[in-house]
């Protein structure tokens, strides 16, 4: 990655850029020139919360690498890492293996009803939905979190009937997610809950509070990008111990 003085990404130079211009390099004095002569620009990036969009983006645009960033209101997008086509293929193989394993373990007759999994957040998470569907027979429901929803009896009635709830904290103010946790905790039949967050989008006091919650074992916290194996194991574990609800 190439940056200018303020830290803004201005280009990317990969093995593919090198191979595409090998003739130019061999017949010219490029080794002594700035990388700007060979790098690809402008830079296409991917938000850390949208990692499952990497594959379609790469196929559409012809990329092999995508810088992963976190955008905030405080300044330019922060580079977190780079995802490659190899990473995407490895994830696809993992997901397909899990789906095949699930199909072999599940009898064709007498299947149990699908578990109700509710995702609370400002935006949908198709990548997480796909992982959850691989983990077991589930009915995925997304509900947007906003101030009116936090006071909606209908929402909390629906949450009480869920087998598992994901709460995406990104984009929520501290007062919003703490109030939501308090109300969920007061439900007579509170469902198992998994918290999701991008670490760089939350203040140090928030991160310390959430780490303490995670260590307590009451509410596991997963950082984005999601560790696939751990999420699958956690979902399966919680759905198995979750009492059936009508």
C-alpha atoms as a PDB file:
ATOM      1  CA  UNK A   1       0.000   0.000   0.000  1.00  0.00           C
ATOM      2  CA  UNK A   2       1.211   3.498  -0.848  1.00  0.00           C
ATOM      3  CA  UNK A   3       0.280   6.447   1.377  1.00  0.00           C
ATOM      4  CA  UNK A   4       0.716  10.179   1.098  1.00  0.00           C
ATOM      5  CA  UNK A   5       1.949  12.292   3.993  1.00  0.00           C
ATOM      6  CA  UNK A   6      -1.409  12.602   5.835  1.00  0.00           C
ATOM      7  CA  UNK A   7      -1.804   8.812   5.706  1.00  0.00           C
ATOM      8  CA  UNK A   8      -4.355   8.636   2.893  1.00  0.00           C
ATOM      9  CA  UNK A   9      -4.083   5.552   0.642  1.00  0.00           C
ATOM     10  CA  UNK A  10      -3.121   6.641  -2.853  1.00  0.00           C
ATOM     11  CA  UNK A  11      -2.282   3.324  -4.533  1.00  0.00           C
ATOM     12  CA  UNK A  12      -1.614  -0.393  -4.227  1.00  0.00           C
ATOM     13  CA  UNK A  13       1.273  -2.356  -5.726  1.00  0.00           C
ATOM     14  CA  UNK A  14       0.874  -6.141  -5.879  1.00  0.00           C
ATOM     15  CA  UNK A  15       2.535  -9.114  -7.551  1.00  0.00           C
ATOM     16  CA  UNK A  16       0.005  -8.776 -10.376  1.00  0.00           C
ATOM     17  CA  UNK A  17       1.090  -5.179 -11.036  1.00  0.00           C
ATOM     18  CA  UNK A  18       4.672  -6.389 -11.223  1.00  0.00           C
ATOM     19  CA  UNK A  19       3.882  -9.190 -13.686  1.00  0.00           C
ATOM     20  CA  UNK A  20       1.700  -6.982 -15.895  1.00  0.00           C
ATOM     21  CA  UNK A  21       4.576  -4.553 -16.348  1.00  0.00           C
ATOM     22  CA  UNK A  22       7.519  -6.937 -16.350  1.00  0.00           C
ATOM     23  CA  UNK A  23       8.545  -5.916 -19.885  1.00  0.00           C
ATOM     24  CA  UNK A  24       8.497  -2.237 -18.969  1.00  0.00           C
ATOM     25  CA  UNK A  25      10.560  -2.944 -15.877  1.00  0.00           C
ATOM     26  CA  UNK A  26      13.118  -5.053 -17.711  1.00  0.00           C
ATOM     27  CA  UNK A  27      13.632  -2.479 -20.481  1.00  0.00           C
ATOM     28  CA  UNK A  28      13.431   0.612 -18.354  1.00  0.00           C
ATOM     29  CA  UNK A  29      15.007   2.101 -15.288  1.00  0.00           C
ATOM     30  CA  UNK A  30      11.919   1.516 -13.140  1.00  0.00           C
ATOM     31  CA  UNK A  31      13.870   0.085 -10.193  1.00  0.00           C
ATOM     32  CA  UNK A  32      15.094   3.579  -9.446  1.00  0.00           C
ATOM     33  CA  UNK A  33      11.720   5.275  -9.931  1.00  0.00           C
ATOM     34  CA  UNK A  34       8.908   5.856  -7.395  1.00  0.00           C
ATOM     35  CA  UNK A  35       6.355   3.054  -7.038  1.00  0.00           C
ATOM     36  CA  UNK A  36       3.715   5.516  -8.290  1.00  0.00           C
ATOM     37  CA  UNK A  37       4.844   4.686 -11.853  1.00  0.00           C
ATOM     38  CA  UNK A  38       3.586   1.098 -11.486  1.00  0.00           C
ATOM     39  CA  UNK A  39       0.977   0.981  -8.753  1.00  0.00           C
ATOM     40  CA  UNK A  40      -2.779   0.668  -9.315  1.00  0.00           C
ATOM     41  CA  UNK A  41      -4.822   3.740  -8.473  1.00  0.00           C
ATOM     42  CA  UNK A  42      -7.228   4.917  -7.274  1.00  0.00           C
ATOM     43  CA  UNK A  43      -7.481   2.371  -4.476  1.00  0.00           C
ATOM     44  CA  UNK A  44     -10.645   0.275  -4.156  1.00  0.00           C
ATOM     45  CA  UNK A  45     -11.319  -0.614  -0.515  1.00  0.00           C
ATOM     46  CA  UNK A  46     -13.722  -2.749   1.507  1.00  0.00           C
ATOM     47  CA  UNK A  47     -15.259  -1.872   4.860  1.00  0.00           C
ATOM     48  CA  UNK A  48     -14.347  -4.328   7.619  1.00  0.00           C
ATOM     49  CA  UNK A  49     -18.013  -5.093   8.287  1.00  0.00           C
ATOM     50  CA  UNK A  50     -18.594  -6.182   4.675  1.00  0.00           C
ATOM     51  CA  UNK A  51     -15.951  -8.880   4.268  1.00  0.00           C
ATOM     52  CA  UNK A  52     -18.379 -11.325   2.698  1.00  0.00           C
ATOM     53  CA  UNK A  53     -18.712  -8.907  -0.222  1.00  0.00           C
ATOM     54  CA  UNK A  54     -15.029  -9.389  -1.075  1.00  0.00           C
ATOM     55  CA  UNK A  55     -15.568 -12.351  -3.430  1.00  0.00           C
ATOM     56  CA  UNK A  56     -18.263 -10.733  -5.604  1.00  0.00           C
ATOM     57  CA  UNK A  57     -16.275  -7.471  -5.698  1.00  0.00           C
ATOM     58  CA  UNK A  58     -13.107  -9.253  -6.822  1.00  0.00           C
ATOM     59  CA  UNK A  59     -14.925 -11.166  -9.552  1.00  0.00           C
ATOM     60  CA  UNK A  60     -16.689  -8.056 -10.819  1.00  0.00           C
ATOM     61  CA  UNK A  61     -13.668  -5.745 -10.767  1.00  0.00           C
ATOM     62  CA  UNK A  62     -10.946  -8.280 -11.570  1.00  0.00           C
ATOM     63  CA  UNK A  63      -9.027  -7.730  -8.320  1.00  0.00           C
ATOM     64  CA  UNK A  64      -6.932 -10.270  -6.438  1.00  0.00           C
ATOM     65  CA  UNK A  65      -6.430  -8.120  -3.352  1.00  0.00           C
ATOM     66  CA  UNK A  66      -8.664  -5.645  -1.521  1.00  0.00           C
ATOM     67  CA  UNK A  67      -7.505  -3.358   1.303  1.00  0.00           C
ATOM     68  CA  UNK A  68      -9.820  -3.665   4.301  1.00  0.00           C
ATOM     69  CA  UNK A  69     -10.549  -0.385   6.059  1.00  0.00           C
ATOM     70  CA  UNK A  70     -12.520   1.085   8.903  1.00  0.00           C
ATOM     71  CA  UNK A  71     -14.123   4.459   8.212  1.00  0.00           C
ATOM     72  CA  UNK A  72     -14.914   6.897  10.981  1.00  0.00           C
ATOM     73  CA  UNK A  73     -15.991  10.490  11.345  1.00  0.00           C
ATOM     74  CA  UNK A  74     -12.693  11.363  13.037  1.00  0.00           C
ATOM     75  CA  UNK A  75     -10.472  11.186   9.965  1.00  0.00           C
ATOM     76  CA  UNK A  76      -9.468   9.229   6.860  1.00  0.00           C
ATOM     77  CA  UNK A  77     -10.269   5.528   6.574  1.00  0.00           C
ATOM     78  CA  UNK A  78      -7.893   3.391   8.631  1.00  0.00           C
ATOM     79  CA  UNK A  79      -6.224   0.455   6.905  1.00  0.00           C
ATOM     80  CA  UNK A  80      -6.827  -2.728   8.922  1.00  0.00           C
ATOM     81  CA  UNK A  81      -5.480  -5.347   6.530  1.00  0.00           C
ATOM     82  CA  UNK A  82      -5.634  -6.783   3.025  1.00  0.00           C
ATOM     83  CA  UNK A  83      -7.880  -9.671   1.946  1.00  0.00           C
ATOM     84  CA  UNK A  84      -6.772 -11.791  -1.000  1.00  0.00           C
ATOM     85  CA  UNK A  85      -8.563 -14.098  -3.416  1.00  0.00           C
ATOM     86  CA  UNK A  86      -6.853 -16.962  -1.574  1.00  0.00           C
ATOM     87  CA  UNK A  87      -8.514 -15.852   1.681  1.00  0.00           C
ATOM     88  CA  UNK A  88     -11.901 -15.757  -0.071  1.00  0.00           C
ATOM     89  CA  UNK A  89     -11.450 -19.246  -1.523  1.00  0.00           C
ATOM     90  CA  UNK A  90     -10.379 -20.628   1.864  1.00  0.00           C
ATOM     91  CA  UNK A  91     -13.533 -19.221   3.455  1.00  0.00           C
ATOM     92  CA  UNK A  92     -15.742 -20.595   0.669  1.00  0.00           C
ATOM     93  CA  UNK A  93     -14.221 -24.062   1.118  1.00  0.00           C
ATOM     94  CA  UNK A  94     -14.747 -23.878   4.878  1.00  0.00           C
ATOM     95  CA  UNK A  95     -18.404 -22.861   4.506  1.00  0.00           C
ATOM     96  CA  UNK A  96     -19.098 -25.612   1.929  1.00  0.00           C
ATOM     97  CA  UNK A  97     -17.413 -28.243   4.119  1.00  0.00           C
ATOM     98  CA  UNK A  98     -19.576 -27.194   7.058  1.00  0.00           C
ATOM     99  CA  UNK A  99     -22.731 -27.314   4.925  1.00  0.00           C
ATOM    100  CA  UNK A 100     -21.904 -30.827   3.687  1.00  0.00           C
ATOM    101  CA  UNK A 101     -21.123 -31.968   7.213  1.00  0.00           C
ATOM    102  CA  UNK A 102     -24.454 -30.594   8.440  1.00  0.00           C
ATOM    103  CA  UNK A 103     -26.354 -32.322   5.609  1.00  0.00           C
ATOM    104  CA  UNK A 104     -24.791 -35.678   6.515  1.00  0.00           C
ATOM    105  CA  UNK A 105     -25.634 -35.291  10.201  1.00  0.00           C
ATOM    106  CA  UNK A 106     -29.265 -34.228   9.664  1.00  0.00           C
ATOM    107  CA  UNK A 107     -31.794 -37.020   8.966  1.00  0.00           C
ATOM    108  CA  UNK A 108     -34.037 -36.390   5.963  1.00  0.00           C
ATOM    109  CA  UNK A 109     -37.125 -37.506   7.900  1.00  0.00           C
ATOM    110  CA  UNK A 110     -38.334 -36.057  11.145  1.00  0.00           C
ATOM    111  CA  UNK A 111     -36.185 -32.937  11.011  1.00  0.00           C
ATOM    112  CA  UNK A 112     -36.527 -30.578  13.937  1.00  0.00           C
ATOM    113  CA  UNK A 113     -38.144 -27.166  13.370  1.00  0.00           C
ATOM    114  CA  UNK A 114     -35.843 -24.370  12.341  1.00  0.00           C
ATOM    115  CA  UNK A 115     -34.381 -22.271  15.148  1.00  0.00           C
ATOM    116  CA  UNK A 116     -35.365 -18.601  15.192  1.00  0.00           C
ATOM    117  CA  UNK A 117     -32.271 -16.388  15.015  1.00  0.00           C
ATOM    118  CA  UNK A 118     -32.759 -12.617  15.245  1.00  0.00           C
ATOM    119  CA  UNK A 119     -30.101 -10.134  14.147  1.00  0.00           C
ATOM    120  CA  UNK A 120     -30.344  -6.645  15.673  1.00  0.00           C
ATOM    121  CA  UNK A 121     -28.361  -3.866  14.026  1.00  0.00           C
ATOM    122  CA  UNK A 122     -28.330  -0.776  11.839  1.00  0.00           C
ATOM    123  CA  UNK A 123     -27.755  -2.847   8.703  1.00  0.00           C
ATOM    124  CA  UNK A 124     -28.165  -6.433   7.556  1.00  0.00           C
ATOM    125  CA  UNK A 125     -25.290  -8.910   7.685  1.00  0.00           C
ATOM    126  CA  UNK A 126     -25.564 -11.401   4.791  1.00  0.00           C
ATOM    127  CA  UNK A 127     -22.180 -12.930   5.597  1.00  0.00           C
ATOM    128  CA  UNK A 128     -23.160 -13.702   9.177  1.00  0.00           C
ATOM    129  CA  UNK A 129     -26.539 -14.984   8.008  1.00  0.00           C
ATOM    130  CA  UNK A 130     -24.779 -17.435   5.725  1.00  0.00           C
ATOM    131  CA  UNK A 131     -22.593 -18.705   8.558  1.00  0.00           C
ATOM    132  CA  UNK A 132     -25.595 -19.182  10.846  1.00  0.00           C
ATOM    133  CA  UNK A 133     -27.498 -21.082   8.163  1.00  0.00           C
ATOM    134  CA  UNK A 134     -24.492 -23.378   7.771  1.00  0.00           C
ATOM    135  CA  UNK A 135     -24.442 -23.988  11.530  1.00  0.00           C
ATOM    136  CA  UNK A 136     -27.949 -25.488  11.563  1.00  0.00           C
ATOM    137  CA  UNK A 137     -31.583 -25.276  10.460  1.00  0.00           C
ATOM    138  CA  UNK A 138     -32.396 -21.664  11.183  1.00  0.00           C
ATOM    139  CA  UNK A 139     -34.917 -18.966  10.363  1.00  0.00           C
ATOM    140  CA  UNK A 140     -32.917 -15.721  10.060  1.00  0.00           C
ATOM    141  CA  UNK A 141     -34.712 -12.479  10.963  1.00  0.00           C
ATOM    142  CA  UNK A 142     -33.152  -9.009  10.761  1.00  0.00           C
ATOM    143  CA  UNK A 143     -34.527  -6.150  12.826  1.00  0.00           C
ATOM    144  CA  UNK A 144     -33.177  -2.618  12.586  1.00  0.00           C
ATOM    145  CA  UNK A 145     -32.217  -1.017  15.875  1.00  0.00           C
ATOM    146  CA  UNK A 146     -33.346   2.600  16.259  1.00  0.00           C
ATOM    147  CA  UNK A 147     -34.783   4.704  19.128  1.00  0.00           C
ATOM    148  CA  UNK A 148     -38.439   3.754  18.406  1.00  0.00           C
ATOM    149  CA  UNK A 149     -37.533   0.053  18.304  1.00  0.00           C
ATOM    150  CA  UNK A 150     -35.889   0.266  21.730  1.00  0.00           C
ATOM    151  CA  UNK A 151     -39.316   1.078  23.198  1.00  0.00           C
ATOM    152  CA  UNK A 152     -41.329  -1.361  21.099  1.00  0.00           C
ATOM    153  CA  UNK A 153     -43.119  -4.087  23.118  1.00  0.00           C
ATOM    154  CA  UNK A 154     -43.601  -5.973  19.852  1.00  0.00           C
ATOM    155  CA  UNK A 155     -39.831  -6.215  19.309  1.00  0.00           C
ATOM    156  CA  UNK A 156     -39.157  -7.539  22.801  1.00  0.00           C
ATOM    157  CA  UNK A 157     -42.008 -10.024  22.521  1.00  0.00           C
ATOM    158  CA  UNK A 158     -40.373 -11.283  19.333  1.00  0.00           C
ATOM    159  CA  UNK A 159     -36.967 -11.423  21.022  1.00  0.00           C
ATOM    160  CA  UNK A 160     -38.382 -13.483  23.873  1.00  0.00           C
ATOM    161  CA  UNK A 161     -39.525 -16.124  21.397  1.00  0.00           C
ATOM    162  CA  UNK A 162     -36.111 -16.286  19.685  1.00  0.00           C
ATOM    163  CA  UNK A 163     -33.654 -19.153  20.106  1.00  0.00           C
ATOM    164  CA  UNK A 164     -30.644 -16.897  19.574  1.00  0.00           C
ATOM    165  CA  UNK A 165     -30.068 -13.152  19.199  1.00  0.00           C
ATOM    166  CA  UNK A 166     -27.146 -11.316  17.589  1.00  0.00           C
ATOM    167  CA  UNK A 167     -26.692  -7.680  18.609  1.00  0.00           C
ATOM    168  CA  UNK A 168     -24.416  -5.646  16.317  1.00  0.00           C
ATOM    169  CA  UNK A 169     -23.107  -2.760  18.419  1.00  0.00           C
ATOM    170  CA  UNK A 170     -21.522  -0.825  15.548  1.00  0.00           C
ATOM    171  CA  UNK A 171     -23.367   2.422  14.958  1.00  0.00           C
ATOM    172  CA  UNK A 172     -25.169   2.282  18.314  1.00  0.00           C
ATOM    173  CA  UNK A 173     -24.549   4.836  21.032  1.00  0.00           C
ATOM    174  CA  UNK A 174     -23.511   3.536  24.438  1.00  0.00           C
ATOM    175  CA  UNK A 175     -26.843   4.562  25.953  1.00  0.00           C
ATOM    176  CA  UNK A 176     -28.699   2.620  23.236  1.00  0.00           C
ATOM    177  CA  UNK A 177     -26.928  -0.713  23.540  1.00  0.00           C
ATOM    178  CA  UNK A 178     -26.741  -0.627  27.345  1.00  0.00           C
ATOM    179  CA  UNK A 179     -30.494   0.055  27.533  1.00  0.00           C
ATOM    180  CA  UNK A 180     -31.138  -2.756  25.084  1.00  0.00           C
ATOM    181  CA  UNK A 181     -29.044  -5.155  27.164  1.00  0.00           C
ATOM    182  CA  UNK A 182     -30.878  -4.161  30.334  1.00  0.00           C
ATOM    183  CA  UNK A 183     -34.274  -4.822  28.728  1.00  0.00           C
ATOM    184  CA  UNK A 184     -33.136  -8.133  27.262  1.00  0.00           C
ATOM    185  CA  UNK A 185     -31.828  -9.193  30.650  1.00  0.00           C
ATOM    186  CA  UNK A 186     -35.219  -8.475  32.247  1.00  0.00           C
ATOM    187  CA  UNK A 187     -37.139 -10.760  29.884  1.00  0.00           C
ATOM    188  CA  UNK A 188     -38.648 -13.758  31.707  1.00  0.00           C
ATOM    189  CA  UNK A 189     -37.186 -16.062  29.054  1.00  0.00           C
ATOM    190  CA  UNK A 190     -34.188 -14.123  27.808  1.00  0.00           C
ATOM    191  CA  UNK A 191     -32.673 -15.787  24.715  1.00  0.00           C
ATOM    192  CA  UNK A 192     -28.956 -16.515  24.353  1.00  0.00           C
ATOM    193  CA  UNK A 193     -27.205 -13.401  23.063  1.00  0.00           C
ATOM    194  CA  UNK A 194     -24.027 -12.833  21.026  1.00  0.00           C
ATOM    195  CA  UNK A 195     -22.552  -9.336  20.763  1.00  0.00           C
ATOM    196  CA  UNK A 196     -20.740  -8.165  17.617  1.00  0.00           C
ATOM    197  CA  UNK A 197     -18.428  -5.191  17.242  1.00  0.00           C
ATOM    198  CA  UNK A 198     -15.613  -3.601  15.280  1.00  0.00           C
ATOM    199  CA  UNK A 199     -13.052  -2.752  17.958  1.00  0.00           C
ATOM    200  CA  UNK A 200     -11.878   0.496  16.364  1.00  0.00           C
ATOM    201  CA  UNK A 201     -15.412   1.895  16.270  1.00  0.00           C
ATOM    202  CA  UNK A 202     -15.786   1.943  20.049  1.00  0.00           C
ATOM    203  CA  UNK A 203     -14.147   3.944  22.811  1.00  0.00           C
ATOM    204  CA  UNK A 204     -11.697   2.462  25.287  1.00  0.00           C
ATOM    205  CA  UNK A 205     -14.259   2.421  28.164  1.00  0.00           C
ATOM    206  CA  UNK A 206     -16.739   0.616  25.868  1.00  0.00           C
ATOM    207  CA  UNK A 207     -14.132  -1.970  24.871  1.00  0.00           C
ATOM    208  CA  UNK A 208     -13.185  -2.626  28.502  1.00  0.00           C
ATOM    209  CA  UNK A 209     -16.858  -3.055  29.480  1.00  0.00           C
ATOM    210  CA  UNK A 210     -17.521  -5.449  26.607  1.00  0.00           C
ATOM    211  CA  UNK A 211     -14.392  -7.477  27.309  1.00  0.00           C
ATOM    212  CA  UNK A 212     -15.536  -7.846  30.923  1.00  0.00           C
ATOM    213  CA  UNK A 213     -18.954  -9.026  29.725  1.00  0.00           C
ATOM    214  CA  UNK A 214     -17.318 -11.539  27.401  1.00  0.00           C
ATOM    215  CA  UNK A 215     -15.030 -12.883  30.149  1.00  0.00           C
ATOM    216  CA  UNK A 216     -18.032 -13.329  32.437  1.00  0.00           C
ATOM    217  CA  UNK A 217     -19.415 -15.883  29.982  1.00  0.00           C
ATOM    218  CA  UNK A 218     -22.879 -14.302  30.039  1.00  0.00           C
ATOM    219  CA  UNK A 219     -22.681 -12.641  26.628  1.00  0.00           C
ATOM    220  CA  UNK A 220     -19.906 -13.662  24.236  1.00  0.00           C
ATOM    221  CA  UNK A 221     -18.415 -10.825  22.181  1.00  0.00           C
ATOM    222  CA  UNK A 222     -17.025 -11.425  18.679  1.00  0.00           C
ATOM    223  CA  UNK A 223     -14.843  -8.902  16.901  1.00  0.00           C
ATOM    224  CA  UNK A 224     -15.206  -8.242  13.182  1.00  0.00           C
ATOM    225  CA  UNK A 225     -13.995  -9.797  10.940  1.00  0.00           C
ATOM    226  CA  UNK A 226     -15.630 -12.881  12.442  1.00  0.00           C
ATOM    227  CA  UNK A 227     -13.521 -15.949  13.293  1.00  0.00           C
ATOM    228  CA  UNK A 228     -15.538 -18.442  11.243  1.00  0.00           C
ATOM    229  CA  UNK A 229     -14.847 -21.597  13.258  1.00  0.00           C
ATOM    230  CA  UNK A 230     -15.494 -19.930  16.615  1.00  0.00           C
ATOM    231  CA  UNK A 231     -18.770 -18.387  15.451  1.00  0.00           C
ATOM    232  CA  UNK A 232     -19.987 -21.727  14.072  1.00  0.00           C
ATOM    233  CA  UNK A 233     -19.081 -23.551  17.286  1.00  0.00           C
ATOM    234  CA  UNK A 234     -20.686 -20.890  19.479  1.00  0.00           C
ATOM    235  CA  UNK A 235     -23.928 -20.833  17.460  1.00  0.00           C
ATOM    236  CA  UNK A 236     -24.234 -24.615  17.531  1.00  0.00           C
ATOM    237  CA  UNK A 237     -23.554 -24.703  21.259  1.00  0.00           C
ATOM    238  CA  UNK A 238     -26.134 -22.021  22.087  1.00  0.00           C
ATOM    239  CA  UNK A 239     -28.817 -23.492  19.830  1.00  0.00           C
ATOM    240  CA  UNK A 240     -28.343 -26.917  21.403  1.00  0.00           C
ATOM    241  CA  UNK A 241     -28.718 -25.624  24.959  1.00  0.00           C
ATOM    242  CA  UNK A 242     -31.478 -23.142  24.101  1.00  0.00           C
ATOM    243  CA  UNK A 243     -34.873 -24.399  25.289  1.00  0.00           C
ATOM    244  CA  UNK A 244     -37.432 -24.826  22.501  1.00  0.00           C
ATOM    245  CA  UNK A 245     -39.923 -22.013  22.364  1.00  0.00           C
ATOM    246  CA  UNK A 246     -43.207 -21.893  20.552  1.00  0.00           C
END
